[in-house]
Amino acid sequence: MDCINFNEFKLAKKSVKKNKYESNAEKFFSNAYYSYDIKDKIKFYTISIKLKPSFIDAYFNRAELYKELGEYNKSIADYNKILELNPKDKDCYNNRAIVYYLIKNYDKSLQDLDVLVSMDKHYKNIYFNRGMVFLGIEDYKRAAIEFTKAIHEDLADSEAYENRAFTYYNLKKYSSSIKDYTNALKLTPENKNIYLSRGTIYYKIKNYEDAISDYMKALNCKEKDPSFYHKIYTNCNDKLNKKILPFVNFK
């Protein structure tokens, strides 16, 4: 009769228990994924993590939900944990940079994006997002450089044209700004805000005819009826007296 190796028996038992926890973690993850209530989703992802502390996808999804709820510190904590588990997770660097941007911690946001660009120079939207950080600190020259890189990466990125136009506007390069807004309109002709922004620049350089034309398109006016100028005043007054606005979302 062979002797029982109790050490192997204990290890096998422990392995079975671990597999059971991980299987249950997957079930709770699935429950979270298909749940409609955001708080229930977080609850299920939290249970998944307790059952499987190395469950990166659960951390990632929970971090996104915390961001959606505006609980940014909790979101950052989850992204930190992901990077402990996998220091080369590119998506995590990008998403944590977005959260840092949302809380106006531009230095840390840029640090994450610098790490990301060192790992992958062609990571989707990396230069656009770096441009957004430089917009946040009002460094328009560097923002313009990043949006130019974004355009080189994707010639169909209308938002990159729109934001570079905004940087040129702030650098008083009005002709370049108008050119970029025009390129953005070629890509997204239905975007009324671009007409407003370009019209504002025309107004600023006293090209009133083109300004009125853009405002008419933005306000869906086919002719200068008596209400047209009132619509310009009520809809565009902020544009005429304040800075125009960029496309303000990270990607």
C-alpha atoms as a PDB file:
ATOM      1  CA  MET A   1       0.000   0.000   0.000  1.00  0.00           C
ATOM      2  CA  ASP A   2       1.379   3.403  -1.006  1.00  0.00           C
ATOM      3  CA  CYS A   3       1.746   6.095   1.633  1.00  0.00           C
ATOM      4  CA  ILE A   4      -0.364   9.226   1.333  1.00  0.00           C
ATOM      5  CA  ASN A   5       1.627  12.356   0.701  1.00  0.00           C
ATOM      6  CA  PHE A   6      -0.268  14.843   2.830  1.00  0.00           C
ATOM      7  CA  ASN A   7       1.618  17.845   1.408  1.00  0.00           C
ATOM      8  CA  GLU A   8       0.419  17.000  -2.102  1.00  0.00           C
ATOM      9  CA  PHE A   9      -3.075  16.384  -0.758  1.00  0.00           C
ATOM     10  CA  LYS A  10      -3.153  19.828   0.837  1.00  0.00           C
ATOM     11  CA  LEU A  11      -1.841  21.487  -2.314  1.00  0.00           C
ATOM     12  CA  ALA A  12      -4.428  19.742  -4.477  1.00  0.00           C
ATOM     13  CA  LYS A  13      -7.211  20.744  -2.112  1.00  0.00           C
ATOM     14  CA  LYS A  14      -6.002  24.340  -2.098  1.00  0.00           C
ATOM     15  CA  SER A  15      -5.902  24.357  -5.901  1.00  0.00           C
ATOM     16  CA  VAL A  16      -9.491  23.107  -6.135  1.00  0.00           C
ATOM     17  CA  LYS A  17     -10.602  25.826  -3.715  1.00  0.00           C
ATOM     18  CA  LYS A  18      -8.779  28.499  -5.736  1.00  0.00           C
ATOM     19  CA  ASN A  19     -10.360  27.314  -8.980  1.00  0.00           C
ATOM     20  CA  LYS A  20     -13.783  27.459  -7.352  1.00  0.00           C
ATOM     21  CA  TYR A  21     -13.210  31.075  -6.219  1.00  0.00           C
ATOM     22  CA  GLU A  22     -12.012  32.077  -9.676  1.00  0.00           C
ATOM     23  CA  SER A  23     -15.003  30.413 -11.301  1.00  0.00           C
ATOM     24  CA  ASN A  24     -17.339  32.312  -8.975  1.00  0.00           C
ATOM     25  CA  ALA A  25     -15.430  35.521  -9.695  1.00  0.00           C
ATOM     26  CA  GLU A  26     -16.146  35.060 -13.407  1.00  0.00           C
ATOM     27  CA  LYS A  27     -19.844  34.568 -12.656  1.00  0.00           C
ATOM     28  CA  PHE A  28     -20.057  37.794 -10.650  1.00  0.00           C
ATOM     29  CA  PHE A  29     -18.106  39.579 -13.399  1.00  0.00           C
ATOM     30  CA  SER A  30     -20.703  38.387 -15.896  1.00  0.00           C
ATOM     31  CA  ASN A  31     -23.506  39.576 -13.596  1.00  0.00           C
ATOM     32  CA  ALA A  32     -21.886  43.008 -13.442  1.00  0.00           C
ATOM     33  CA  TYR A  33     -21.421  43.184 -17.185  1.00  0.00           C
ATOM     34  CA  TYR A  34     -25.075  42.482 -17.915  1.00  0.00           C
ATOM     35  CA  SER A  35     -26.511  44.526 -15.054  1.00  0.00           C
ATOM     36  CA  TYR A  36     -28.209  47.843 -15.924  1.00  0.00           C
ATOM     37  CA  ASP A  37     -27.773  49.523 -12.544  1.00  0.00           C
ATOM     38  CA  ILE A  38     -24.373  51.156 -12.087  1.00  0.00           C
ATOM     39  CA  LYS A  39     -24.295  50.539  -8.329  1.00  0.00           C
ATOM     40  CA  ASP A  40     -25.100  46.861  -8.838  1.00  0.00           C
ATOM     41  CA  LYS A  41     -22.324  46.686 -11.418  1.00  0.00           C
ATOM     42  CA  ILE A  42     -19.830  48.082  -8.912  1.00  0.00           C
ATOM     43  CA  LYS A  43     -21.046  45.661  -6.252  1.00  0.00           C
ATOM     44  CA  PHE A  44     -20.593  42.654  -8.525  1.00  0.00           C
ATOM     45  CA  TYR A  45     -17.162  43.791  -9.719  1.00  0.00           C
ATOM     46  CA  THR A  46     -16.120  44.278  -6.089  1.00  0.00           C
ATOM     47  CA  ILE A  47     -17.179  40.723  -5.227  1.00  0.00           C
ATOM     48  CA  SER A  48     -15.280  39.454  -8.278  1.00  0.00           C
ATOM     49  CA  ILE A  49     -12.143  41.224  -7.068  1.00  0.00           C
ATOM     50  CA  LYS A  50     -12.495  39.799  -3.548  1.00  0.00           C
ATOM     51  CA  LEU A  51     -12.751  36.302  -4.996  1.00  0.00           C
ATOM     52  CA  LYS A  52      -9.932  36.895  -7.462  1.00  0.00           C
ATOM     53  CA  PRO A  53      -7.641  39.752  -6.362  1.00  0.00           C
ATOM     54  CA  SER A  54      -5.695  39.634  -9.641  1.00  0.00           C
ATOM     55  CA  PHE A  55      -8.819  40.143 -11.796  1.00  0.00           C
ATOM     56  CA  ILE A  56      -7.577  43.008 -14.004  1.00  0.00           C
ATOM     57  CA  ASP A  57     -10.723  43.270 -16.137  1.00  0.00           C
ATOM     58  CA  ALA A  58     -12.862  43.721 -13.014  1.00  0.00           C
ATOM     59  CA  TYR A  59     -10.586  46.492 -11.724  1.00  0.00           C
ATOM     60  CA  PHE A  60     -10.649  48.131 -15.142  1.00  0.00           C
ATOM     61  CA  ASN A  61     -14.431  48.098 -15.480  1.00  0.00           C
ATOM     62  CA  ARG A  62     -14.964  49.254 -11.915  1.00  0.00           C
ATOM     63  CA  ALA A  63     -12.508  52.121 -12.460  1.00  0.00           C
ATOM     64  CA  GLU A  64     -14.511  53.261 -15.473  1.00  0.00           C
ATOM     65  CA  LEU A  65     -17.731  53.189 -13.445  1.00  0.00           C
ATOM     66  CA  TYR A  66     -16.149  55.200 -10.615  1.00  0.00           C
ATOM     67  CA  LYS A  67     -15.036  57.745 -13.224  1.00  0.00           C
ATOM     68  CA  GLU A  68     -18.579  57.899 -14.593  1.00  0.00           C
ATOM     69  CA  LEU A  69     -19.876  58.608 -11.080  1.00  0.00           C
ATOM     70  CA  GLY A  70     -17.245  61.287 -10.507  1.00  0.00           C
ATOM     71  CA  GLU A  71     -15.538  59.221  -7.783  1.00  0.00           C
ATOM     72  CA  TYR A  72     -12.152  59.958  -9.261  1.00  0.00           C
ATOM     73  CA  ASN A  73      -9.935  58.910  -6.339  1.00  0.00           C
ATOM     74  CA  LYS A  74     -11.493  55.448  -6.320  1.00  0.00           C
ATOM     75  CA  SER A  75     -11.042  55.247 -10.085  1.00  0.00           C
ATOM     76  CA  ILE A  76      -7.357  56.157  -9.774  1.00  0.00           C
ATOM     77  CA  ALA A  77      -6.913  53.580  -6.988  1.00  0.00           C
ATOM     78  CA  ASP A  78      -8.228  50.843  -9.284  1.00  0.00           C
ATOM     79  CA  TYR A  79      -5.947  51.941 -12.122  1.00  0.00           C
ATOM     80  CA  ASN A  80      -3.018  51.953  -9.684  1.00  0.00           C
ATOM     81  CA  LYS A  81      -3.830  48.351  -8.759  1.00  0.00           C
ATOM     82  CA  ILE A  82      -3.945  47.339 -12.425  1.00  0.00           C
ATOM     83  CA  LEU A  83      -0.459  48.768 -12.963  1.00  0.00           C
ATOM     84  CA  GLU A  84       0.791  46.859  -9.929  1.00  0.00           C
ATOM     85  CA  LEU A  85      -0.468  43.690 -11.583  1.00  0.00           C
ATOM     86  CA  ASN A  86       0.629  44.655 -15.091  1.00  0.00           C
ATOM     87  CA  PRO A  87       3.019  47.647 -15.375  1.00  0.00           C
ATOM     88  CA  LYS A  88       2.798  47.492 -19.180  1.00  0.00           C
ATOM     89  CA  ASP A  89      -0.960  47.951 -19.487  1.00  0.00           C
ATOM     90  CA  LYS A  90      -1.160  50.740 -22.085  1.00  0.00           C
ATOM     91  CA  ASP A  91      -4.920  51.227 -21.815  1.00  0.00           C
ATOM     92  CA  CYS A  92      -4.564  51.752 -18.097  1.00  0.00           C
ATOM     93  CA  TYR A  93      -2.022  54.557 -18.533  1.00  0.00           C
ATOM     94  CA  ASN A  94      -4.325  56.244 -21.041  1.00  0.00           C
ATOM     95  CA  ASN A  95      -7.430  55.949 -18.878  1.00  0.00           C
ATOM     96  CA  ARG A  96      -5.690  57.040 -15.677  1.00  0.00           C
ATOM     97  CA  ALA A  97      -4.351  60.064 -17.593  1.00  0.00           C
ATOM     98  CA  ILE A  98      -7.951  60.942 -18.470  1.00  0.00           C
ATOM     99  CA  VAL A  99      -9.000  60.840 -14.815  1.00  0.00           C
ATOM    100  CA  TYR A 100      -6.031  63.003 -13.788  1.00  0.00           C
ATOM    101  CA  TYR A 101      -7.069  65.437 -16.535  1.00  0.00           C
ATOM    102  CA  LEU A 102     -10.636  65.551 -15.209  1.00  0.00           C
ATOM    103  CA  ILE A 103      -9.398  66.547 -11.732  1.00  0.00           C
ATOM    104  CA  LYS A 104      -7.033  69.086 -13.355  1.00  0.00           C
ATOM    105  CA  ASN A 105      -3.905  67.246 -12.221  1.00  0.00           C
ATOM    106  CA  TYR A 106      -2.248  68.000 -15.532  1.00  0.00           C
ATOM    107  CA  ASP A 107       1.282  67.065 -14.436  1.00  0.00           C
ATOM    108  CA  LYS A 108       0.307  63.494 -13.572  1.00  0.00           C
ATOM    109  CA  SER A 109      -1.875  63.232 -16.651  1.00  0.00           C
ATOM    110  CA  LEU A 110       1.065  64.208 -18.837  1.00  0.00           C
ATOM    111  CA  GLN A 111       3.372  61.807 -16.961  1.00  0.00           C
ATOM    112  CA  ASP A 112       1.073  58.902 -17.791  1.00  0.00           C
ATOM    113  CA  LEU A 113       0.833  59.958 -21.430  1.00  0.00           C
ATOM    114  CA  ASP A 114       4.625  60.333 -21.607  1.00  0.00           C
ATOM    115  CA  VAL A 115       5.001  56.754 -20.377  1.00  0.00           C
ATOM    116  CA  LEU A 116       2.414  55.631 -22.893  1.00  0.00           C
ATOM    117  CA  VAL A 117       4.067  57.342 -25.858  1.00  0.00           C
ATOM    118  CA  SER A 118       7.403  55.781 -24.842  1.00  0.00           C
ATOM    119  CA  MET A 119       5.700  52.368 -24.989  1.00  0.00           C
ATOM    120  CA  ASP A 120       3.728  52.923 -28.196  1.00  0.00           C
ATOM    121  CA  LYS A 121       4.212  55.985 -30.402  1.00  0.00           C
ATOM    122  CA  HIS A 122       1.154  55.071 -32.436  1.00  0.00           C
ATOM    123  CA  TYR A 123      -1.275  54.366 -29.590  1.00  0.00           C
ATOM    124  CA  LYS A 124      -4.712  55.527 -30.730  1.00  0.00           C
ATOM    125  CA  ASN A 125      -5.422  59.164 -29.811  1.00  0.00           C
ATOM    126  CA  ILE A 126      -2.213  59.555 -27.767  1.00  0.00           C
ATOM    127  CA  TYR A 127      -1.276  62.876 -29.391  1.00  0.00           C
ATOM    128  CA  PHE A 128      -4.830  64.194 -29.264  1.00  0.00           C
ATOM    129  CA  ASN A 129      -4.955  63.501 -25.538  1.00  0.00           C
ATOM    130  CA  ARG A 130      -1.549  65.105 -24.964  1.00  0.00           C
ATOM    131  CA  GLY A 131      -2.843  68.126 -26.832  1.00  0.00           C
ATOM    132  CA  MET A 132      -5.816  68.262 -24.472  1.00  0.00           C
ATOM    133  CA  VAL A 133      -3.473  68.427 -21.471  1.00  0.00           C
ATOM    134  CA  PHE A 134      -1.531  71.321 -22.995  1.00  0.00           C
ATOM    135  CA  LEU A 135      -4.846  73.068 -23.674  1.00  0.00           C
ATOM    136  CA  GLY A 136      -5.653  72.579 -20.001  1.00  0.00           C
ATOM    137  CA  ILE A 137      -2.506  74.459 -18.962  1.00  0.00           C
ATOM    138  CA  GLU A 138      -3.019  76.982 -21.796  1.00  0.00           C
ATOM    139  CA  ASP A 139       0.266  76.082 -23.482  1.00  0.00           C
ATOM    140  CA  TYR A 140      -1.130  76.664 -26.953  1.00  0.00           C
ATOM    141  CA  LYS A 141       2.138  76.264 -28.851  1.00  0.00           C
ATOM    142  CA  ARG A 142       2.743  72.761 -27.496  1.00  0.00           C
ATOM    143  CA  ALA A 143      -0.930  71.916 -27.885  1.00  0.00           C
ATOM    144  CA  ALA A 144      -0.739  72.853 -31.571  1.00  0.00           C
ATOM    145  CA  ILE A 145       2.283  70.574 -32.002  1.00  0.00           C
ATOM    146  CA  GLU A 146       0.430  67.624 -30.462  1.00  0.00           C
ATOM    147  CA  PHE A 147      -2.716  68.177 -32.528  1.00  0.00           C
ATOM    148  CA  THR A 148      -0.539  68.352 -35.641  1.00  0.00           C
ATOM    149  CA  LYS A 149       0.871  64.937 -34.725  1.00  0.00           C
ATOM    150  CA  ALA A 150      -2.676  63.670 -34.167  1.00  0.00           C
ATOM    151  CA  ILE A 151      -3.637  64.839 -37.655  1.00  0.00           C
ATOM    152  CA  HIS A 152      -0.595  63.099 -39.153  1.00  0.00           C
ATOM    153  CA  GLU A 153      -1.733  59.905 -37.426  1.00  0.00           C
ATOM    154  CA  ASP A 154      -5.322  60.288 -38.692  1.00  0.00           C
ATOM    155  CA  LEU A 155      -6.079  62.732 -41.478  1.00  0.00           C
ATOM    156  CA  ALA A 156      -9.820  62.198 -40.877  1.00  0.00           C
ATOM    157  CA  ASP A 157      -9.731  63.355 -37.242  1.00  0.00           C
ATOM    158  CA  SER A 158     -12.043  66.370 -37.438  1.00  0.00           C
ATOM    159  CA  GLU A 159     -11.737  67.011 -33.699  1.00  0.00           C
ATOM    160  CA  ALA A 160      -7.958  67.364 -33.986  1.00  0.00           C
ATOM    161  CA  TYR A 161      -8.438  69.975 -36.727  1.00  0.00           C
ATOM    162  CA  GLU A 162     -11.024  71.714 -34.563  1.00  0.00           C
ATOM    163  CA  ASN A 163      -8.761  71.838 -31.534  1.00  0.00           C
ATOM    164  CA  ARG A 164      -5.712  72.933 -33.506  1.00  0.00           C
ATOM    165  CA  ALA A 165      -7.887  75.702 -34.937  1.00  0.00           C
ATOM    166  CA  PHE A 166      -8.650  76.734 -31.356  1.00  0.00           C
ATOM    167  CA  THR A 167      -4.942  76.827 -30.467  1.00  0.00           C
ATOM    168  CA  TYR A 168      -4.187  78.924 -33.555  1.00  0.00           C
ATOM    169  CA  TYR A 169      -6.998  81.284 -32.567  1.00  0.00           C
ATOM    170  CA  ASN A 170      -5.381  81.803 -29.163  1.00  0.00           C
ATOM    171  CA  LEU A 171      -1.993  82.294 -30.836  1.00  0.00           C
ATOM    172  CA  LYS A 172      -3.639  84.952 -33.048  1.00  0.00           C
ATOM    173  CA  LYS A 173      -2.932  82.909 -36.172  1.00  0.00           C
ATOM    174  CA  TYR A 174      -6.375  83.598 -37.556  1.00  0.00           C
ATOM    175  CA  SER A 175      -5.797  82.465 -41.147  1.00  0.00           C
ATOM    176  CA  SER A 176      -4.468  79.101 -39.955  1.00  0.00           C
ATOM    177  CA  SER A 177      -7.394  78.803 -37.551  1.00  0.00           C
ATOM    178  CA  ILE A 178      -9.929  79.455 -40.316  1.00  0.00           C
ATOM    179  CA  LYS A 179      -8.191  76.897 -42.542  1.00  0.00           C
ATOM    180  CA  ASP A 180      -8.407  74.203 -39.826  1.00  0.00           C
ATOM    181  CA  TYR A 181     -12.065  74.925 -39.080  1.00  0.00           C
ATOM    182  CA  THR A 182     -12.725  74.650 -42.803  1.00  0.00           C
ATOM    183  CA  ASN A 183     -10.968  71.260 -42.920  1.00  0.00           C
ATOM    184  CA  ALA A 184     -12.988  70.128 -39.896  1.00  0.00           C
ATOM    185  CA  LEU A 185     -16.193  71.148 -41.687  1.00  0.00           C
ATOM    186  CA  LYS A 186     -15.230  69.110 -44.733  1.00  0.00           C
ATOM    187  CA  LEU A 187     -15.095  66.072 -42.460  1.00  0.00           C
ATOM    188  CA  THR A 188     -18.159  66.922 -40.324  1.00  0.00           C
ATOM    189  CA  PRO A 189     -20.320  69.385 -42.307  1.00  0.00           C
ATOM    190  CA  GLU A 190     -23.234  68.879 -39.896  1.00  0.00           C
ATOM    191  CA  ASN A 191     -21.293  70.334 -36.942  1.00  0.00           C
ATOM    192  CA  LYS A 192     -22.962  73.686 -36.267  1.00  0.00           C
ATOM    193  CA  ASN A 193     -20.500  74.630 -33.534  1.00  0.00           C
ATOM    194  CA  ILE A 194     -17.676  74.777 -36.055  1.00  0.00           C
ATOM    195  CA  TYR A 195     -19.638  77.327 -38.087  1.00  0.00           C
ATOM    196  CA  LEU A 196     -20.081  79.396 -34.921  1.00  0.00           C
ATOM    197  CA  SER A 197     -16.370  79.234 -34.116  1.00  0.00           C
ATOM    198  CA  ARG A 198     -15.244  80.061 -37.638  1.00  0.00           C
ATOM    199  CA  GLY A 199     -17.845  82.822 -37.830  1.00  0.00           C
ATOM    200  CA  THR A 200     -16.433  84.306 -34.638  1.00  0.00           C
ATOM    201  CA  ILE A 201     -12.968  84.500 -36.181  1.00  0.00           C
ATOM    202  CA  TYR A 202     -14.368  86.116 -39.310  1.00  0.00           C
ATOM    203  CA  TYR A 203     -16.100  88.604 -37.037  1.00  0.00           C
ATOM    204  CA  LYS A 204     -12.869  89.267 -35.147  1.00  0.00           C
ATOM    205  CA  ILE A 205     -10.936  90.050 -38.340  1.00  0.00           C
ATOM    206  CA  LYS A 206     -13.873  92.206 -39.518  1.00  0.00           C
ATOM    207  CA  ASN A 207     -14.876  89.910 -42.360  1.00  0.00           C
ATOM    208  CA  TYR A 208     -18.524  90.470 -41.528  1.00  0.00           C
ATOM    209  CA  GLU A 209     -19.971  88.998 -44.708  1.00  0.00           C
ATOM    210  CA  ASP A 210     -18.390  85.563 -44.098  1.00  0.00           C
ATOM    211  CA  ALA A 211     -19.194  85.832 -40.389  1.00  0.00           C
ATOM    212  CA  ILE A 212     -22.879  86.342 -41.152  1.00  0.00           C
ATOM    213  CA  SER A 213     -22.803  83.485 -43.662  1.00  0.00           C
ATOM    214  CA  ASP A 214     -21.392  81.100 -41.035  1.00  0.00           C
ATOM    215  CA  TYR A 215     -23.871  82.234 -38.396  1.00  0.00           C
ATOM    216  CA  MET A 216     -26.713  81.690 -40.843  1.00  0.00           C
ATOM    217  CA  LYS A 217     -25.553  78.105 -41.399  1.00  0.00           C
ATOM    218  CA  ALA A 218     -25.109  77.540 -37.692  1.00  0.00           C
ATOM    219  CA  LEU A 219     -28.580  78.838 -36.900  1.00  0.00           C
ATOM    220  CA  ASN A 220     -30.293  77.154 -39.861  1.00  0.00           C
ATOM    221  CA  CYS A 221     -31.328  80.478 -41.383  1.00  0.00           C
ATOM    222  CA  LYS A 222     -31.810  80.465 -45.148  1.00  0.00           C
ATOM    223  CA  GLU A 223     -32.148  84.209 -45.421  1.00  0.00           C
ATOM    224  CA  LYS A 224     -31.580  87.277 -43.289  1.00  0.00           C
ATOM    225  CA  ASP A 225     -35.116  87.590 -42.016  1.00  0.00           C
ATOM    226  CA  PRO A 226     -35.962  90.122 -39.264  1.00  0.00           C
ATOM    227  CA  SER A 227     -35.313  87.556 -36.531  1.00  0.00           C
ATOM    228  CA  PHE A 228     -31.860  86.632 -37.831  1.00  0.00           C
ATOM    229  CA  TYR A 229     -29.873  89.304 -35.995  1.00  0.00           C
ATOM    230  CA  HIS A 230     -31.791  88.644 -32.811  1.00  0.00           C
ATOM    231  CA  LYS A 231     -30.837  84.976 -33.134  1.00  0.00           C
ATOM    232  CA  ILE A 232     -27.186  85.946 -33.580  1.00  0.00           C
ATOM    233  CA  TYR A 233     -27.334  88.064 -30.437  1.00  0.00           C
ATOM    234  CA  THR A 234     -29.098  85.460 -28.291  1.00  0.00           C
ATOM    235  CA  ASN A 235     -27.152  82.458 -29.567  1.00  0.00           C
ATOM    236  CA  CYS A 236     -23.728  83.912 -30.265  1.00  0.00           C
ATOM    237  CA  ASN A 237     -23.278  86.752 -27.788  1.00  0.00           C
ATOM    238  CA  ASP A 238     -20.885  84.712 -25.651  1.00  0.00           C
ATOM    239  CA  LYS A 239     -18.918  83.761 -28.752  1.00  0.00           C
ATOM    240  CA  LEU A 240     -18.539  87.396 -29.797  1.00  0.00           C
ATOM    241  CA  ASN A 241     -17.426  88.651 -26.399  1.00  0.00           C
ATOM    242  CA  LYS A 242     -15.506  85.697 -24.965  1.00  0.00           C
ATOM    243  CA  LYS A 243     -13.084  83.054 -26.136  1.00  0.00           C
ATOM    244  CA  ILE A 244     -14.319  80.397 -28.493  1.00  0.00           C
ATOM    245  CA  LEU A 245     -14.290  76.913 -27.050  1.00  0.00           C
ATOM    246  CA  PRO A 246     -12.341  73.827 -28.107  1.00  0.00           C
ATOM    247  CA  PHE A 247     -13.563  70.288 -28.476  1.00  0.00           C
ATOM    248  CA  VAL A 248     -13.062  69.411 -24.810  1.00  0.00           C
ATOM    249  CA  ASN A 249     -13.206  65.637 -24.516  1.00  0.00           C
ATOM    250  CA  PHE A 250     -10.383  63.166 -24.185  1.00  0.00           C
ATOM    251  CA  LYS A 251     -10.545  60.106 -26.393  1.00  0.00           C
END
